[in-house]
Amino acid sequence: MVTSQFIQTVGQFGLTLAVGASTFALIFYYVAIQDGIIDASEKRFMHVVYRVLRVGLVLIIVTELCLALFHYMQDGFLFFKNEFLLFTWTVLAVIVCNAILMQKHKMPMWLGPALAGGSWYTLALVHAFPPAALSSYTTLGVYYVTFVALMVVALKIIKMVYSKK
């Protein structure tokens, strides 16, 4: 029988893949736009990174659904009142919607990468620090929005630095 611990381990593996891939996606993107042209080799590297990111995302979504089912069978609907779980699902929904909008070129490039990176790092941080699980949905949401805003500023600075070279 599959245990909750095994499911969580697979989810952590998916999160590790996704956060690492998101980091490299950001790095490769800003290196690629440095000369103003994204050539074929740069596109190829970014596509590989996006595939790894998608594998991580699928692992996370599947494990979150399995954990929800696992806890529902044990606790009933009490698990669905968990604010940490709801926050995790909110961030995952933002990640998926942002990815779709970026794929369709409907998300501005000043916001899309910051939202992606900020979302992945937020998800990693709240899973890394157990006290975050005790925070309210609203508190976690304020931290999330603040972190994404900081990512917008940081990526803007990085873009300016790379553009000067």
C-alpha atoms as a PDB file:
ATOM      1  CA  MET A   1       0.000   0.000   0.000  1.00  0.00           C
ATOM      2  CA  VAL A   2       1.235   3.483  -0.849  1.00  0.00           C
ATOM      3  CA  THR A   3       1.841   5.543   2.250  1.00  0.00           C
ATOM      4  CA  SER A   4       1.473   9.244   2.841  1.00  0.00           C
ATOM      5  CA  GLN A   5       5.250   9.473   3.401  1.00  0.00           C
ATOM      6  CA  PHE A   6       5.994   7.945  -0.014  1.00  0.00           C
ATOM      7  CA  ILE A   7       3.538  10.316  -1.692  1.00  0.00           C
ATOM      8  CA  GLN A   8       5.145  13.298   0.073  1.00  0.00           C
ATOM      9  CA  THR A   9       8.615  12.142  -1.002  1.00  0.00           C
ATOM     10  CA  VAL A  10       7.542  11.948  -4.647  1.00  0.00           C
ATOM     11  CA  GLY A  11       5.978  15.411  -4.292  1.00  0.00           C
ATOM     12  CA  GLN A  12       9.213  16.796  -2.831  1.00  0.00           C
ATOM     13  CA  PHE A  13      11.149  15.274  -5.726  1.00  0.00           C
ATOM     14  CA  GLY A  14       8.750  16.977  -8.155  1.00  0.00           C
ATOM     15  CA  LEU A  15       9.135  20.265  -6.294  1.00  0.00           C
ATOM     16  CA  THR A  16      12.924  19.961  -6.440  1.00  0.00           C
ATOM     17  CA  LEU A  17      12.813  19.336 -10.184  1.00  0.00           C
ATOM     18  CA  ALA A  18      10.407  22.218 -10.773  1.00  0.00           C
ATOM     19  CA  VAL A  19      12.230  24.795  -8.638  1.00  0.00           C
ATOM     20  CA  GLY A  20      15.579  23.846 -10.172  1.00  0.00           C
ATOM     21  CA  ALA A  21      14.164  23.965 -13.681  1.00  0.00           C
ATOM     22  CA  SER A  22      12.466  27.288 -12.977  1.00  0.00           C
ATOM     23  CA  THR A  23      15.789  28.704 -11.809  1.00  0.00           C
ATOM     24  CA  PHE A  24      17.522  27.565 -14.988  1.00  0.00           C
ATOM     25  CA  ALA A  25      14.626  28.793 -17.132  1.00  0.00           C
ATOM     26  CA  LEU A  26      15.112  32.268 -15.672  1.00  0.00           C
ATOM     27  CA  ILE A  27      18.891  32.125 -16.079  1.00  0.00           C
ATOM     28  CA  PHE A  28      18.745  30.825 -19.658  1.00  0.00           C
ATOM     29  CA  TYR A  29      16.081  33.378 -20.606  1.00  0.00           C
ATOM     30  CA  TYR A  30      18.087  36.360 -19.397  1.00  0.00           C
ATOM     31  CA  VAL A  31      21.307  35.042 -20.915  1.00  0.00           C
ATOM     32  CA  ALA A  32      19.478  34.382 -24.197  1.00  0.00           C
ATOM     33  CA  ILE A  33      18.011  37.884 -24.455  1.00  0.00           C
ATOM     34  CA  GLN A  34      21.333  39.521 -23.638  1.00  0.00           C
ATOM     35  CA  ASP A  35      22.200  39.911 -27.331  1.00  0.00           C
ATOM     36  CA  GLY A  36      18.589  40.554 -28.341  1.00  0.00           C
ATOM     37  CA  ILE A  37      18.285  37.290 -30.307  1.00  0.00           C
ATOM     38  CA  ILE A  38      17.246  33.889 -28.999  1.00  0.00           C
ATOM     39  CA  ASP A  39      19.052  31.479 -31.302  1.00  0.00           C
ATOM     40  CA  ALA A  40      18.240  27.815 -31.982  1.00  0.00           C
ATOM     41  CA  SER A  41      20.640  26.393 -29.393  1.00  0.00           C
ATOM     42  CA  GLU A  42      19.275  28.720 -26.701  1.00  0.00           C
ATOM     43  CA  LYS A  43      15.715  27.697 -27.580  1.00  0.00           C
ATOM     44  CA  ARG A  44      16.726  24.037 -27.422  1.00  0.00           C
ATOM     45  CA  PHE A  45      18.152  24.419 -23.905  1.00  0.00           C
ATOM     46  CA  MET A  46      15.070  26.301 -22.737  1.00  0.00           C
ATOM     47  CA  HIS A  47      12.737  23.637 -24.163  1.00  0.00           C
ATOM     48  CA  VAL A  48      14.603  20.915 -22.251  1.00  0.00           C
ATOM     49  CA  VAL A  49      14.331  22.939 -19.064  1.00  0.00           C
ATOM     50  CA  TYR A  50      10.592  23.492 -19.640  1.00  0.00           C
ATOM     51  CA  ARG A  51      10.090  19.736 -20.078  1.00  0.00           C
ATOM     52  CA  VAL A  52      11.814  19.048 -16.758  1.00  0.00           C
ATOM     53  CA  LEU A  53       9.694  21.765 -15.154  1.00  0.00           C
ATOM     54  CA  ARG A  54       6.515  20.158 -16.521  1.00  0.00           C
ATOM     55  CA  VAL A  55       7.552  16.746 -15.179  1.00  0.00           C
ATOM     56  CA  GLY A  56       8.022  18.321 -11.757  1.00  0.00           C
ATOM     57  CA  LEU A  57       4.653  20.072 -12.010  1.00  0.00           C
ATOM     58  CA  VAL A  58       2.854  16.860 -12.959  1.00  0.00           C
ATOM     59  CA  LEU A  59       4.494  15.001 -10.056  1.00  0.00           C
ATOM     60  CA  ILE A  60       3.405  17.755  -7.659  1.00  0.00           C
ATOM     61  CA  ILE A  61      -0.176  17.843  -8.928  1.00  0.00           C
ATOM     62  CA  VAL A  62      -0.534  14.064  -8.843  1.00  0.00           C
ATOM     63  CA  THR A  63       0.928  13.814  -5.342  1.00  0.00           C
ATOM     64  CA  GLU A  64      -1.234  16.700  -4.053  1.00  0.00           C
ATOM     65  CA  LEU A  65      -4.324  14.948  -5.394  1.00  0.00           C
ATOM     66  CA  CYS A  66      -3.190  11.630  -3.878  1.00  0.00           C
ATOM     67  CA  LEU A  67      -2.534  13.293  -0.521  1.00  0.00           C
ATOM     68  CA  ALA A  68      -5.952  14.935  -0.598  1.00  0.00           C
ATOM     69  CA  LEU A  69      -7.580  11.574  -1.315  1.00  0.00           C
ATOM     70  CA  PHE A  70      -5.448   9.837   1.331  1.00  0.00           C
ATOM     71  CA  HIS A  71      -6.409  12.390   3.992  1.00  0.00           C
ATOM     72  CA  TYR A  72     -10.037  12.532   2.883  1.00  0.00           C
ATOM     73  CA  MET A  73     -10.299   8.782   3.459  1.00  0.00           C
ATOM     74  CA  GLN A  74      -8.872   9.274   6.969  1.00  0.00           C
ATOM     75  CA  ASP A  75     -10.341  12.609   8.072  1.00  0.00           C
ATOM     76  CA  GLY A  76     -13.226  13.369   5.756  1.00  0.00           C
ATOM     77  CA  PHE A  77     -13.658  16.987   4.724  1.00  0.00           C
ATOM     78  CA  LEU A  78     -11.545  18.341   7.589  1.00  0.00           C
ATOM     79  CA  PHE A  79      -8.484  18.133   5.346  1.00  0.00           C
ATOM     80  CA  PHE A  80     -10.073  20.491   2.834  1.00  0.00           C
ATOM     81  CA  LYS A  81     -10.342  23.193   5.509  1.00  0.00           C
ATOM     82  CA  ASN A  82      -6.546  23.233   5.799  1.00  0.00           C
ATOM     83  CA  GLU A  83      -5.395  26.743   4.816  1.00  0.00           C
ATOM     84  CA  PHE A  84      -1.888  25.541   3.970  1.00  0.00           C
ATOM     85  CA  LEU A  85      -3.343  23.050   1.478  1.00  0.00           C
ATOM     86  CA  LEU A  86      -5.588  25.706  -0.038  1.00  0.00           C
ATOM     87  CA  PHE A  87      -2.639  28.065  -0.362  1.00  0.00           C
ATOM     88  CA  THR A  88      -0.557  25.345  -2.049  1.00  0.00           C
ATOM     89  CA  TRP A  89      -3.358  24.696  -4.539  1.00  0.00           C
ATOM     90  CA  THR A  90      -3.739  28.434  -5.174  1.00  0.00           C
ATOM     91  CA  VAL A  91      -0.054  28.792  -6.001  1.00  0.00           C
ATOM     92  CA  LEU A  92      -0.201  25.720  -8.254  1.00  0.00           C
ATOM     93  CA  ALA A  93      -3.212  27.226 -10.053  1.00  0.00           C
ATOM     94  CA  VAL A  94      -1.269  30.469 -10.572  1.00  0.00           C
ATOM     95  CA  ILE A  95       1.706  28.499 -11.916  1.00  0.00           C
ATOM     96  CA  VAL A  96      -0.461  26.586 -14.399  1.00  0.00           C
ATOM     97  CA  CYS A  97      -2.414  29.672 -15.537  1.00  0.00           C
ATOM     98  CA  ASN A  98       0.781  31.701 -15.895  1.00  0.00           C
ATOM     99  CA  ALA A  99       2.422  28.925 -17.936  1.00  0.00           C
ATOM    100  CA  ILE A 100      -0.562  28.738 -20.283  1.00  0.00           C
ATOM    101  CA  LEU A 101      -0.683  32.515 -20.700  1.00  0.00           C
ATOM    102  CA  MET A 102       3.070  32.700 -21.318  1.00  0.00           C
ATOM    103  CA  GLN A 103       2.843  29.867 -23.850  1.00  0.00           C
ATOM    104  CA  LYS A 104       0.127  31.794 -25.713  1.00  0.00           C
ATOM    105  CA  HIS A 105       2.116  35.057 -25.409  1.00  0.00           C
ATOM    106  CA  LYS A 106      -0.720  36.644 -23.401  1.00  0.00           C
ATOM    107  CA  MET A 107       1.390  37.350 -20.298  1.00  0.00           C
ATOM    108  CA  PRO A 108       3.689  40.385 -20.303  1.00  0.00           C
ATOM    109  CA  MET A 109       7.342  39.377 -20.103  1.00  0.00           C
ATOM    110  CA  TRP A 110       7.985  41.784 -17.231  1.00  0.00           C
ATOM    111  CA  LEU A 111       5.481  39.809 -15.127  1.00  0.00           C
ATOM    112  CA  GLY A 112       5.427  36.206 -16.421  1.00  0.00           C
ATOM    113  CA  PRO A 113       8.958  35.130 -15.416  1.00  0.00           C
ATOM    114  CA  ALA A 114       8.690  36.909 -12.055  1.00  0.00           C
ATOM    115  CA  LEU A 115       5.325  35.270 -11.385  1.00  0.00           C
ATOM    116  CA  ALA A 116       6.697  31.861 -12.375  1.00  0.00           C
ATOM    117  CA  GLY A 117       9.908  32.136 -10.373  1.00  0.00           C
ATOM    118  CA  GLY A 118       8.198  33.810  -7.430  1.00  0.00           C
ATOM    119  CA  SER A 119       5.509  31.129  -7.366  1.00  0.00           C
ATOM    120  CA  TRP A 120       7.957  28.227  -7.483  1.00  0.00           C
ATOM    121  CA  TYR A 121      10.208  29.742  -4.817  1.00  0.00           C
ATOM    122  CA  THR A 122       7.198  30.527  -2.615  1.00  0.00           C
ATOM    123  CA  LEU A 123       5.981  26.953  -2.934  1.00  0.00           C
ATOM    124  CA  ALA A 124       9.449  25.659  -2.029  1.00  0.00           C
ATOM    125  CA  LEU A 125       9.785  27.987   0.944  1.00  0.00           C
ATOM    126  CA  VAL A 126       6.415  27.188   2.484  1.00  0.00           C
ATOM    127  CA  HIS A 127       7.152  23.484   2.152  1.00  0.00           C
ATOM    128  CA  ALA A 128      10.663  23.890   3.569  1.00  0.00           C
ATOM    129  CA  PHE A 129       9.638  25.743   6.716  1.00  0.00           C
ATOM    130  CA  PRO A 130       7.120  23.839   8.864  1.00  0.00           C
ATOM    131  CA  PRO A 131       5.968  27.006  10.696  1.00  0.00           C
ATOM    132  CA  ALA A 132       4.602  28.201   7.352  1.00  0.00           C
ATOM    133  CA  ALA A 133       2.040  25.425   7.601  1.00  0.00           C
ATOM    134  CA  LEU A 134       0.667  27.163  10.699  1.00  0.00           C
ATOM    135  CA  SER A 135       0.214  30.520   8.954  1.00  0.00           C
ATOM    136  CA  SER A 136      -3.160  31.631   7.724  1.00  0.00           C
ATOM    137  CA  TYR A 137      -4.078  31.709   4.049  1.00  0.00           C
ATOM    138  CA  THR A 138      -4.134  35.503   4.147  1.00  0.00           C
ATOM    139  CA  THR A 139      -0.680  35.758   5.743  1.00  0.00           C
ATOM    140  CA  LEU A 140       0.783  33.318   3.238  1.00  0.00           C
ATOM    141  CA  GLY A 141      -0.917  35.269   0.438  1.00  0.00           C
ATOM    142  CA  VAL A 142       0.627  38.552   1.605  1.00  0.00           C
ATOM    143  CA  TYR A 143       4.076  36.930   1.711  1.00  0.00           C
ATOM    144  CA  TYR A 144       3.476  35.492  -1.760  1.00  0.00           C
ATOM    145  CA  VAL A 145       2.426  38.782  -3.351  1.00  0.00           C
ATOM    146  CA  THR A 146       5.357  40.549  -1.679  1.00  0.00           C
ATOM    147  CA  PHE A 147       7.793  37.912  -2.907  1.00  0.00           C
ATOM    148  CA  VAL A 148       6.488  38.110  -6.483  1.00  0.00           C
ATOM    149  CA  ALA A 149       6.777  41.919  -6.359  1.00  0.00           C
ATOM    150  CA  LEU A 150      10.391  41.564  -5.196  1.00  0.00           C
ATOM    151  CA  MET A 151      10.985  39.128  -8.065  1.00  0.00           C
ATOM    152  CA  VAL A 152       9.627  41.697 -10.544  1.00  0.00           C
ATOM    153  CA  VAL A 153      12.105  44.273  -9.222  1.00  0.00           C
ATOM    154  CA  ALA A 154      15.027  41.810  -9.073  1.00  0.00           C
ATOM    155  CA  LEU A 155      14.437  40.555 -12.613  1.00  0.00           C
ATOM    156  CA  LYS A 156      14.089  44.127 -13.877  1.00  0.00           C
ATOM    157  CA  ILE A 157      17.494  44.922 -12.354  1.00  0.00           C
ATOM    158  CA  ILE A 158      19.016  41.762 -13.831  1.00  0.00           C
ATOM    159  CA  LYS A 159      17.630  42.682 -17.253  1.00  0.00           C
ATOM    160  CA  MET A 160      19.081  46.189 -16.999  1.00  0.00           C
ATOM    161  CA  VAL A 161      22.490  44.824 -16.006  1.00  0.00           C
ATOM    162  CA  TYR A 162      22.503  42.322 -18.877  1.00  0.00           C
ATOM    163  CA  SER A 163      21.284  44.923 -21.371  1.00  0.00           C
ATOM    164  CA  LYS A 164      24.225  47.213 -20.581  1.00  0.00           C
ATOM    165  CA  LYS A 165      26.803  44.613 -21.613  1.00  0.00           C
END
